[in-house]
């Protein structure tokens, strides 16, 4: 059993811990994502689709299958890109 004083010390220590605002990314990965998402134009290059979908899944801790890059899947890509954009902006 932990004493009340030790419990208080642990609570204070937890409250003073710095939260990693980039979690689950490293700071370098965050910077790369921020640069990518802020320079992305209206067209998503096919070679960047796996990066976008991978980050989308990673940040949500999901494993949703990547859709094709055909026009009929535009809604999925818009959802992923908007999520990434919002996620980055909340951590600037």
N, C-alpha and C. Protein backbone atom coordinates (compact mmCIF):
# COMPACT_ATOMS: atom_id res chain seq x y z
N UNK A 1 0.85 -1.18 0.00
CA UNK A 1 0.00 0.00 0.00
C UNK A 1 0.89 1.25 0.00
N UNK A 2 0.56 2.22 -0.84
CA UNK A 2 1.32 3.47 -0.94
C UNK A 2 0.72 4.48 0.02
N UNK A 3 1.60 5.19 0.69
CA UNK A 3 1.13 6.21 1.64
C UNK A 3 0.48 7.37 0.89
N UNK A 4 -0.34 8.12 1.60
CA UNK A 4 -1.01 9.29 1.01
C UNK A 4 0.01 10.29 0.49
N UNK A 5 1.09 10.47 1.24
CA UNK A 5 2.12 11.43 0.82
C UNK A 5 2.78 10.98 -0.49
N UNK A 6 3.07 9.69 -0.60
CA UNK A 6 3.68 9.16 -1.82
C UNK A 6 2.69 9.30 -2.99
N UNK A 7 1.41 9.06 -2.75
CA UNK A 7 0.40 9.24 -3.78
C UNK A 7 0.38 10.68 -4.27
N UNK A 8 0.44 11.62 -3.34
CA UNK A 8 0.46 13.05 -3.72
C UNK A 8 1.69 13.37 -4.56
N UNK A 9 2.84 12.85 -4.14
CA UNK A 9 4.07 13.09 -4.89
C UNK A 9 3.97 12.55 -6.32
N UNK A 10 3.42 11.36 -6.45
CA UNK A 10 3.26 10.76 -7.77
C UNK A 10 2.29 11.56 -8.64
N UNK A 11 1.21 12.03 -8.06
CA UNK A 11 0.23 12.84 -8.80
C UNK A 11 0.87 14.13 -9.27
N UNK A 12 1.60 14.79 -8.40
CA UNK A 12 2.28 16.04 -8.77
C UNK A 12 3.29 15.77 -9.88
N UNK A 13 4.03 14.67 -9.76
CA UNK A 13 5.01 14.32 -10.78
C UNK A 13 4.33 14.07 -12.13
N UNK A 14 3.22 13.36 -12.13
CA UNK A 14 2.47 13.10 -13.37
C UNK A 14 1.94 14.39 -13.97
N UNK A 15 1.46 15.29 -13.13
CA UNK A 15 0.91 16.55 -13.62
C UNK A 15 1.99 17.43 -14.22
N UNK A 16 3.22 17.29 -13.76
CA UNK A 16 4.30 18.13 -14.25
C UNK A 16 5.03 17.52 -15.44
N UNK A 17 4.67 16.29 -15.80
CA UNK A 17 5.32 15.65 -16.95
C UNK A 17 4.91 16.37 -18.23
N UNK A 18 5.86 16.53 -19.09
CA UNK A 18 5.59 17.16 -20.37
C UNK A 18 4.98 16.13 -21.32
N UNK A 19 3.86 16.47 -21.89
CA UNK A 19 3.19 15.58 -22.82
C UNK A 19 3.82 15.77 -24.20
N UNK A 20 4.10 14.65 -24.86
CA UNK A 20 4.68 14.71 -26.20
C UNK A 20 3.56 15.02 -27.18
N UNK A 21 3.50 16.25 -27.64
CA UNK A 21 2.39 16.67 -28.50
C UNK A 21 2.45 16.04 -29.88
N UNK A 22 3.57 15.41 -30.22
CA UNK A 22 3.71 14.80 -31.53
C UNK A 22 3.34 13.31 -31.52
N UNK A 23 3.13 12.75 -30.36
CA UNK A 23 2.83 11.33 -30.22
C UNK A 23 1.67 10.94 -31.13
N UNK A 24 1.74 9.94 -31.93
CA UNK A 24 2.71 8.84 -31.97
C UNK A 24 3.89 9.09 -32.91
N UNK A 25 4.06 10.31 -33.39
CA UNK A 25 5.16 10.63 -34.29
C UNK A 25 6.34 11.19 -33.53
N UNK A 26 7.51 11.09 -34.11
CA UNK A 26 8.67 11.81 -33.58
C UNK A 26 8.56 13.25 -34.07
N UNK A 27 9.36 14.12 -33.52
CA UNK A 27 9.35 15.51 -33.95
C UNK A 27 9.73 15.62 -35.43
N UNK A 28 10.68 14.82 -35.87
CA UNK A 28 11.10 14.85 -37.27
C UNK A 28 9.97 14.40 -38.20
N UNK A 29 9.27 13.35 -37.80
CA UNK A 29 8.14 12.88 -38.61
C UNK A 29 7.04 13.93 -38.66
N UNK A 30 6.82 14.61 -37.54
CA UNK A 30 5.82 15.67 -37.50
C UNK A 30 6.20 16.79 -38.47
N UNK A 31 7.45 17.19 -38.46
CA UNK A 31 7.91 18.26 -39.35
C UNK A 31 7.73 17.85 -40.81
N UNK A 32 8.08 16.61 -41.13
CA UNK A 32 7.89 16.11 -42.50
C UNK A 32 6.41 16.14 -42.89
N UNK A 33 5.55 15.67 -41.99
CA UNK A 33 4.11 15.66 -42.27
C UNK A 33 3.59 17.08 -42.43
N UNK A 34 4.02 17.98 -41.56
CA UNK A 34 3.57 19.37 -41.65
C UNK A 34 3.98 20.00 -42.97
N UNK A 35 5.21 19.78 -43.38
CA UNK A 35 5.68 20.34 -44.65
C UNK A 35 4.91 19.74 -45.82
N UNK A 36 4.66 18.44 -45.77
CA UNK A 36 3.93 17.79 -46.85
C UNK A 36 2.50 18.30 -46.93
N UNK A 37 1.81 18.30 -45.82
CA UNK A 37 0.37 18.61 -45.82
C UNK A 37 0.12 20.09 -46.14
N UNK A 38 1.03 20.97 -45.75
CA UNK A 38 0.82 22.39 -46.01
C UNK A 38 1.22 22.78 -47.44
N UNK A 39 1.94 21.92 -48.13
CA UNK A 39 2.32 22.23 -49.52
C UNK A 39 1.53 21.41 -50.53
N UNK A 40 0.65 20.55 -50.04
CA UNK A 40 -0.14 19.71 -50.92
C UNK A 40 -1.15 20.55 -51.68
N UNK A 41 -1.16 20.40 -52.96
CA UNK A 41 -2.12 21.13 -53.79
C UNK A 41 -3.41 20.35 -53.96
N UNK A 42 -4.16 20.67 -54.97
CA UNK A 42 -5.46 20.01 -55.19
C UNK A 42 -5.32 18.58 -55.74
N UNK A 43 -4.13 18.19 -56.11
CA UNK A 43 -3.91 16.87 -56.69
C UNK A 43 -2.98 16.06 -55.79
N UNK A 44 -3.38 14.86 -55.42
CA UNK A 44 -2.54 13.96 -54.63
C UNK A 44 -1.79 13.03 -55.59
N UNK A 45 -0.46 13.17 -55.66
CA UNK A 45 0.31 12.28 -56.53
C UNK A 45 0.16 10.83 -56.09
N UNK A 46 0.06 9.92 -57.04
CA UNK A 46 -0.10 8.50 -56.72
C UNK A 46 1.01 7.98 -55.81
N UNK A 47 2.22 8.48 -55.99
CA UNK A 47 3.33 7.98 -55.18
C UNK A 47 3.28 8.47 -53.73
N UNK A 48 2.42 9.43 -53.44
CA UNK A 48 2.27 9.93 -52.07
C UNK A 48 1.05 9.32 -51.36
N UNK A 49 0.23 8.60 -52.10
CA UNK A 49 -0.98 8.01 -51.52
C UNK A 49 -0.66 7.06 -50.35
N UNK A 50 0.33 6.17 -50.47
CA UNK A 50 0.62 5.29 -49.33
C UNK A 50 1.07 6.06 -48.09
N UNK A 51 1.83 7.14 -48.29
CA UNK A 51 2.26 7.97 -47.16
C UNK A 51 1.06 8.59 -46.46
N UNK A 52 0.16 9.18 -47.23
CA UNK A 52 -1.03 9.82 -46.66
C UNK A 52 -1.88 8.80 -45.92
N UNK A 53 -2.15 7.68 -46.56
CA UNK A 53 -3.03 6.69 -45.93
C UNK A 53 -2.36 6.04 -44.72
N UNK A 54 -1.06 5.82 -44.81
CA UNK A 54 -0.31 5.26 -43.68
C UNK A 54 -0.34 6.18 -42.47
N UNK A 55 -0.14 7.47 -42.70
CA UNK A 55 -0.20 8.44 -41.59
C UNK A 55 -1.61 8.55 -41.04
N UNK A 56 -2.59 8.55 -41.90
CA UNK A 56 -3.99 8.61 -41.49
C UNK A 56 -4.31 7.44 -40.56
N UNK A 57 -3.91 6.24 -40.93
CA UNK A 57 -4.13 5.07 -40.08
C UNK A 57 -3.32 5.12 -38.80
N UNK A 58 -2.08 5.52 -38.92
CA UNK A 58 -1.19 5.54 -37.74
C UNK A 58 -1.68 6.52 -36.68
N UNK A 59 -2.07 7.71 -37.09
CA UNK A 59 -2.51 8.72 -36.13
C UNK A 59 -3.83 8.35 -35.47
N UNK A 60 -4.64 7.57 -36.15
CA UNK A 60 -5.93 7.14 -35.58
C UNK A 60 -5.82 5.77 -34.91
N UNK A 61 -4.64 5.15 -35.01
CA UNK A 61 -4.41 3.81 -34.49
C UNK A 61 -5.43 2.83 -35.10
N UNK A 62 -5.57 2.91 -36.40
CA UNK A 62 -6.50 2.08 -37.15
C UNK A 62 -5.74 1.32 -38.22
N UNK A 63 -6.41 0.41 -38.88
CA UNK A 63 -5.82 -0.33 -39.98
C UNK A 63 -6.83 -0.44 -41.12
N UNK A 64 -7.35 0.70 -41.52
CA UNK A 64 -8.33 0.74 -42.61
C UNK A 64 -7.62 0.53 -43.94
N UNK A 65 -8.13 -0.36 -44.78
CA UNK A 65 -7.47 -0.60 -46.08
C UNK A 65 -7.42 0.66 -46.93
N UNK A 66 -6.31 0.80 -47.65
CA UNK A 66 -6.14 1.97 -48.51
C UNK A 66 -7.03 1.86 -49.73
N UNK A 67 -7.80 2.91 -50.00
CA UNK A 67 -8.64 2.89 -51.21
C UNK A 67 -7.79 3.14 -52.45
N UNK A 68 -8.38 2.89 -53.59
CA UNK A 68 -7.70 3.21 -54.84
C UNK A 68 -7.64 4.73 -54.99
N UNK A 69 -6.89 5.18 -55.94
CA UNK A 69 -6.76 6.63 -56.15
C UNK A 69 -7.65 7.12 -57.29
N UNK A 70 -8.64 6.32 -57.65
CA UNK A 70 -9.55 6.72 -58.72
C UNK A 70 -10.54 7.79 -58.21
N UNK A 71 -11.14 8.53 -59.10
CA UNK A 71 -12.05 9.60 -58.70
C UNK A 71 -13.20 9.15 -57.78
N UNK A 72 -13.63 7.91 -57.90
CA UNK A 72 -14.75 7.45 -57.05
C UNK A 72 -14.35 7.34 -55.58
N UNK A 73 -13.05 7.34 -55.29
CA UNK A 73 -12.57 7.26 -53.91
C UNK A 73 -12.18 8.62 -53.34
N UNK A 74 -12.51 9.67 -54.04
CA UNK A 74 -12.10 11.02 -53.62
C UNK A 74 -12.57 11.35 -52.21
N UNK A 75 -13.74 10.90 -51.84
CA UNK A 75 -14.26 11.18 -50.49
C UNK A 75 -13.38 10.59 -49.40
N UNK A 76 -12.84 9.39 -49.63
CA UNK A 76 -11.94 8.77 -48.65
C UNK A 76 -10.65 9.58 -48.51
N UNK A 77 -10.12 10.01 -49.65
CA UNK A 77 -8.87 10.78 -49.61
C UNK A 77 -9.07 12.15 -48.99
N UNK A 78 -10.21 12.75 -49.27
CA UNK A 78 -10.51 14.05 -48.66
C UNK A 78 -10.59 13.91 -47.14
N UNK A 79 -11.24 12.84 -46.69
CA UNK A 79 -11.35 12.59 -45.24
C UNK A 79 -9.97 12.41 -44.62
N UNK A 80 -9.09 11.65 -45.27
CA UNK A 80 -7.75 11.41 -44.75
C UNK A 80 -6.93 12.70 -44.71
N UNK A 81 -6.97 13.46 -45.80
CA UNK A 81 -6.18 14.69 -45.87
C UNK A 81 -6.70 15.72 -44.88
N UNK A 82 -8.00 15.85 -44.76
CA UNK A 82 -8.57 16.78 -43.78
C UNK A 82 -8.18 16.38 -42.36
N UNK A 83 -8.18 15.10 -42.08
CA UNK A 83 -7.78 14.62 -40.76
C UNK A 83 -6.33 15.00 -40.48
N UNK A 84 -5.45 14.73 -41.44
CA UNK A 84 -4.03 15.06 -41.27
C UNK A 84 -3.83 16.57 -41.09
N UNK A 85 -4.51 17.34 -41.91
CA UNK A 85 -4.40 18.80 -41.82
C UNK A 85 -4.84 19.30 -40.44
N UNK A 86 -5.98 18.81 -39.97
CA UNK A 86 -6.47 19.21 -38.65
C UNK A 86 -5.53 18.75 -37.54
N UNK A 87 -5.02 17.55 -37.65
CA UNK A 87 -4.12 17.00 -36.64
C UNK A 87 -2.85 17.85 -36.53
N UNK A 88 -2.31 18.22 -37.68
CA UNK A 88 -1.10 19.06 -37.70
C UNK A 88 -1.41 20.43 -37.11
N UNK A 89 -2.50 21.04 -37.53
CA UNK A 89 -2.82 22.39 -37.06
C UNK A 89 -3.06 22.46 -35.56
N UNK A 90 -3.54 21.40 -34.96
CA UNK A 90 -3.76 21.39 -33.51
C UNK A 90 -2.46 21.30 -32.74
N UNK A 91 -1.38 20.97 -33.42
CA UNK A 91 -0.08 20.77 -32.75
C UNK A 91 0.97 21.80 -33.14
N UNK A 92 0.60 22.80 -33.86
CA UNK A 92 1.57 23.84 -34.26
C UNK A 92 1.96 24.68 -33.07
